[in-house]
Amino acid sequence: MKFSTSSLPLRTPRRPAGREDVPLLDLIRLRVSQIHGCQLGESHYRAKLELAGEATNRLDELDTWPVSGVYTAKERMALALAELLAQPSPGESTLLPRLLSHAREQLTRAELVRLVVAVEAIQDWEHREDLHA
């Protein structure tokens, strides 16, 4: 049997056990950084995702994810929720309860908690950077 390395992936991303959502959270962090125009966050999370093996075309299309066909249903739900939470007053939105209801179909409770914490943390970090700029 002839063995060919061309059939093997160039890189297999390693993920810590039990943390399969780490790339998803970094995708969310990158999107929130884009929304807030935080170049430092954009550079950091893009580089982190590239090192994890994320496809360049998916990163390039992140700002147009609603019309892009490269994201899974779970990713699209997480991105929609992250964008809503990244708004100045997400609690005032009538969309939040409906979106959370649909999000529970795609994301586990633990994933939802990590997503909300990730969005809030990146926004807090970016706000602190603005204060020190």
C-alpha atoms as a PDB file:
ATOM      1  CA  MET A   1       0.000   0.000   0.000  1.00  0.00           C
ATOM      2  CA  LYS A   2       1.364   3.355  -1.016  1.00  0.00           C
ATOM      3  CA  PHE A   3       1.213   6.118   1.590  1.00  0.00           C
ATOM      4  CA  SER A   4       0.691   9.695   0.489  1.00  0.00           C
ATOM      5  CA  THR A   5       1.016  12.718   2.745  1.00  0.00           C
ATOM      6  CA  SER A   6      -1.113  14.743   0.341  1.00  0.00           C
ATOM      7  CA  SER A   7      -4.230  13.109   1.750  1.00  0.00           C
ATOM      8  CA  LEU A   8      -3.409  14.213   5.301  1.00  0.00           C
ATOM      9  CA  PRO A   9      -4.488  17.579   6.650  1.00  0.00           C
ATOM     10  CA  LEU A  10      -1.691  20.108   6.953  1.00  0.00           C
ATOM     11  CA  ARG A  11      -2.699  20.908  10.488  1.00  0.00           C
ATOM     12  CA  THR A  12      -5.119  19.360  12.909  1.00  0.00           C
ATOM     13  CA  PRO A  13      -6.176  21.951  15.459  1.00  0.00           C
ATOM     14  CA  ARG A  14      -5.792  20.809  19.054  1.00  0.00           C
ATOM     15  CA  ARG A  15      -8.540  21.682  21.467  1.00  0.00           C
ATOM     16  CA  PRO A  16      -8.451  21.144  25.207  1.00  0.00           C
ATOM     17  CA  ALA A  17     -10.704  18.312  26.354  1.00  0.00           C
ATOM     18  CA  GLY A  18     -14.179  19.578  27.154  1.00  0.00           C
ATOM     19  CA  ARG A  19     -13.588  22.935  25.506  1.00  0.00           C
ATOM     20  CA  GLU A  20     -14.686  22.335  21.931  1.00  0.00           C
ATOM     21  CA  ASP A  21     -16.319  25.772  21.952  1.00  0.00           C
ATOM     22  CA  VAL A  22     -13.013  27.668  22.307  1.00  0.00           C
ATOM     23  CA  PRO A  23     -12.783  28.444  18.552  1.00  0.00           C
ATOM     24  CA  LEU A  24     -16.443  29.494  18.581  1.00  0.00           C
ATOM     25  CA  LEU A  25     -15.801  31.836  21.498  1.00  0.00           C
ATOM     26  CA  ASP A  26     -12.782  33.307  19.725  1.00  0.00           C
ATOM     27  CA  LEU A  27     -14.925  33.772  16.618  1.00  0.00           C
ATOM     28  CA  ILE A  28     -17.415  35.640  18.813  1.00  0.00           C
ATOM     29  CA  ARG A  29     -14.631  37.704  20.375  1.00  0.00           C
ATOM     30  CA  LEU A  30     -13.337  38.590  16.917  1.00  0.00           C
ATOM     31  CA  ARG A  31     -16.810  39.641  15.751  1.00  0.00           C
ATOM     32  CA  VAL A  32     -17.408  41.818  18.834  1.00  0.00           C
ATOM     33  CA  SER A  33     -13.988  43.425  18.268  1.00  0.00           C
ATOM     34  CA  GLN A  34     -15.033  44.150  14.675  1.00  0.00           C
ATOM     35  CA  ILE A  35     -18.314  45.685  15.837  1.00  0.00           C
ATOM     36  CA  HIS A  36     -16.500  47.990  18.246  1.00  0.00           C
ATOM     37  CA  GLY A  37     -13.702  48.797  15.804  1.00  0.00           C
ATOM     38  CA  CYS A  38     -11.032  47.472  18.151  1.00  0.00           C
ATOM     39  CA  GLN A  39      -8.039  46.826  15.903  1.00  0.00           C
ATOM     40  CA  LEU A  40      -5.988  45.278  18.714  1.00  0.00           C
ATOM     41  CA  GLY A  41      -8.742  42.763  19.477  1.00  0.00           C
ATOM     42  CA  GLU A  42      -9.277  42.043  15.791  1.00  0.00           C
ATOM     43  CA  SER A  43      -5.575  41.340  15.243  1.00  0.00           C
ATOM     44  CA  HIS A  44      -5.284  39.220  18.364  1.00  0.00           C
ATOM     45  CA  TYR A  45      -8.310  36.991  17.816  1.00  0.00           C
ATOM     46  CA  ARG A  46      -7.738  36.628  14.080  1.00  0.00           C
ATOM     47  CA  ALA A  47      -4.171  35.458  14.723  1.00  0.00           C
ATOM     48  CA  LYS A  48      -5.383  33.094  17.449  1.00  0.00           C
ATOM     49  CA  LEU A  49      -8.007  31.586  15.145  1.00  0.00           C
ATOM     50  CA  GLU A  50      -5.521  31.240  12.282  1.00  0.00           C
ATOM     51  CA  LEU A  51      -3.127  29.388  14.604  1.00  0.00           C
ATOM     52  CA  ALA A  52      -5.994  27.081  15.574  1.00  0.00           C
ATOM     53  CA  GLY A  53      -6.448  26.226  11.887  1.00  0.00           C
ATOM     54  CA  GLU A  54      -9.484  28.375  11.093  1.00  0.00           C
ATOM     55  CA  ALA A  55      -9.986  28.872   7.347  1.00  0.00           C
ATOM     56  CA  THR A  56      -9.025  32.317   6.059  1.00  0.00           C
ATOM     57  CA  ASN A  57     -12.189  32.653   3.979  1.00  0.00           C
ATOM     58  CA  ARG A  58     -14.337  32.175   7.076  1.00  0.00           C
ATOM     59  CA  LEU A  59     -12.429  34.908   8.888  1.00  0.00           C
ATOM     60  CA  ASP A  60     -12.639  37.201   5.865  1.00  0.00           C
ATOM     61  CA  GLU A  61     -16.421  36.738   5.678  1.00  0.00           C
ATOM     62  CA  LEU A  62     -17.095  37.197   9.379  1.00  0.00           C
ATOM     63  CA  ASP A  63     -18.360  40.768   9.041  1.00  0.00           C
ATOM     64  CA  THR A  64     -20.897  39.570   6.459  1.00  0.00           C
ATOM     65  CA  TRP A  65     -21.817  36.336   8.234  1.00  0.00           C
ATOM     66  CA  PRO A  66     -25.621  36.750   7.814  1.00  0.00           C
ATOM     67  CA  VAL A  67     -25.289  36.429   4.027  1.00  0.00           C
ATOM     68  CA  SER A  68     -22.300  34.094   4.017  1.00  0.00           C
ATOM     69  CA  GLY A  69     -22.814  30.389   3.623  1.00  0.00           C
ATOM     70  CA  VAL A  70     -19.671  29.310   5.475  1.00  0.00           C
ATOM     71  CA  TYR A  71     -21.001  29.187   9.034  1.00  0.00           C
ATOM     72  CA  THR A  72     -22.913  26.390  10.750  1.00  0.00           C
ATOM     73  CA  ALA A  73     -26.349  26.892  12.276  1.00  0.00           C
ATOM     74  CA  LYS A  74     -24.765  26.870  15.732  1.00  0.00           C
ATOM     75  CA  GLU A  75     -22.195  29.506  14.730  1.00  0.00           C
ATOM     76  CA  ARG A  76     -24.867  31.665  13.106  1.00  0.00           C
ATOM     77  CA  MET A  77     -26.991  31.538  16.253  1.00  0.00           C
ATOM     78  CA  ALA A  78     -24.001  32.407  18.445  1.00  0.00           C
ATOM     79  CA  LEU A  79     -23.044  35.294  16.148  1.00  0.00           C
ATOM     80  CA  ALA A  80     -26.606  36.656  16.126  1.00  0.00           C
ATOM     81  CA  LEU A  81     -26.781  36.545  19.905  1.00  0.00           C
ATOM     82  CA  ALA A  82     -23.320  38.106  20.273  1.00  0.00           C
ATOM     83  CA  GLU A  83     -24.235  40.954  17.923  1.00  0.00           C
ATOM     84  CA  LEU A  84     -27.410  41.665  19.854  1.00  0.00           C
ATOM     85  CA  LEU A  85     -25.551  41.589  23.185  1.00  0.00           C
ATOM     86  CA  ALA A  86     -22.898  43.913  21.762  1.00  0.00           C
ATOM     87  CA  GLN A  87     -25.493  46.640  21.220  1.00  0.00           C
ATOM     88  CA  PRO A  88     -25.571  49.533  23.716  1.00  0.00           C
ATOM     89  CA  SER A  89     -28.827  48.405  25.406  1.00  0.00           C
ATOM     90  CA  PRO A  90     -29.501  44.754  24.516  1.00  0.00           C
ATOM     91  CA  GLY A  91     -31.963  44.340  27.389  1.00  0.00           C
ATOM     92  CA  GLU A  92     -34.298  46.853  25.761  1.00  0.00           C
ATOM     93  CA  SER A  93     -34.516  44.797  22.583  1.00  0.00           C
ATOM     94  CA  THR A  94     -37.677  42.816  22.014  1.00  0.00           C
ATOM     95  CA  LEU A  95     -35.554  40.375  20.012  1.00  0.00           C
ATOM     96  CA  LEU A  96     -33.516  39.160  22.997  1.00  0.00           C
ATOM     97  CA  PRO A  97     -36.115  36.790  24.528  1.00  0.00           C
ATOM     98  CA  ARG A  98     -36.928  35.252  21.132  1.00  0.00           C
ATOM     99  CA  LEU A  99     -33.279  34.933  20.186  1.00  0.00           C
ATOM    100  CA  LEU A 100     -32.446  33.291  23.516  1.00  0.00           C
ATOM    101  CA  SER A 101     -35.295  30.852  23.007  1.00  0.00           C
ATOM    102  CA  HIS A 102     -33.920  29.857  19.600  1.00  0.00           C
ATOM    103  CA  ALA A 103     -30.347  29.831  20.914  1.00  0.00           C
ATOM    104  CA  ARG A 104     -31.293  27.129  23.407  1.00  0.00           C
ATOM    105  CA  GLU A 105     -32.030  24.874  20.431  1.00  0.00           C
ATOM    106  CA  GLN A 106     -28.454  25.220  19.122  1.00  0.00           C
ATOM    107  CA  LEU A 107     -26.385  25.855  22.244  1.00  0.00           C
ATOM    108  CA  THR A 108     -26.173  24.134  25.599  1.00  0.00           C
ATOM    109  CA  ARG A 109     -26.732  26.116  28.758  1.00  0.00           C
ATOM    110  CA  ALA A 110     -22.978  26.075  29.454  1.00  0.00           C
ATOM    111  CA  GLU A 111     -22.237  27.322  25.933  1.00  0.00           C
ATOM    112  CA  LEU A 112     -24.777  30.143  26.342  1.00  0.00           C
ATOM    113  CA  VAL A 113     -23.210  31.195  29.632  1.00  0.00           C
ATOM    114  CA  ARG A 114     -19.696  31.147  28.135  1.00  0.00           C
ATOM    115  CA  LEU A 115     -20.911  33.141  25.129  1.00  0.00           C
ATOM    116  CA  VAL A 116     -22.532  35.856  27.251  1.00  0.00           C
ATOM    117  CA  VAL A 117     -19.490  36.065  29.530  1.00  0.00           C
ATOM    118  CA  ALA A 118     -17.156  36.243  26.502  1.00  0.00           C
ATOM    119  CA  VAL A 119     -19.138  39.095  24.927  1.00  0.00           C
ATOM    120  CA  GLU A 120     -19.288  41.034  28.186  1.00  0.00           C
ATOM    121  CA  ALA A 121     -15.590  40.454  28.911  1.00  0.00           C
ATOM    122  CA  ILE A 122     -14.410  41.598  25.489  1.00  0.00           C
ATOM    123  CA  GLN A 123     -16.632  44.679  25.664  1.00  0.00           C
ATOM    124  CA  ASP A 124     -15.287  45.510  29.123  1.00  0.00           C
ATOM    125  CA  TRP A 125     -11.717  45.050  27.938  1.00  0.00           C
ATOM    126  CA  GLU A 126     -12.294  47.232  24.879  1.00  0.00           C
ATOM    127  CA  HIS A 127     -13.991  49.887  27.011  1.00  0.00           C
ATOM    128  CA  ARG A 128     -10.955  49.974  29.320  1.00  0.00           C
ATOM    129  CA  GLU A 129      -8.674  50.313  26.297  1.00  0.00           C
ATOM    130  CA  ASP A 130     -10.760  53.302  25.118  1.00  0.00           C
ATOM    131  CA  LEU A 131     -10.394  54.952  28.519  1.00  0.00           C
ATOM    132  CA  HIS A 132      -6.604  54.594  28.401  1.00  0.00           C
ATOM    133  CA  ALA A 133      -6.177  55.643  24.774  1.00  0.00           C
END
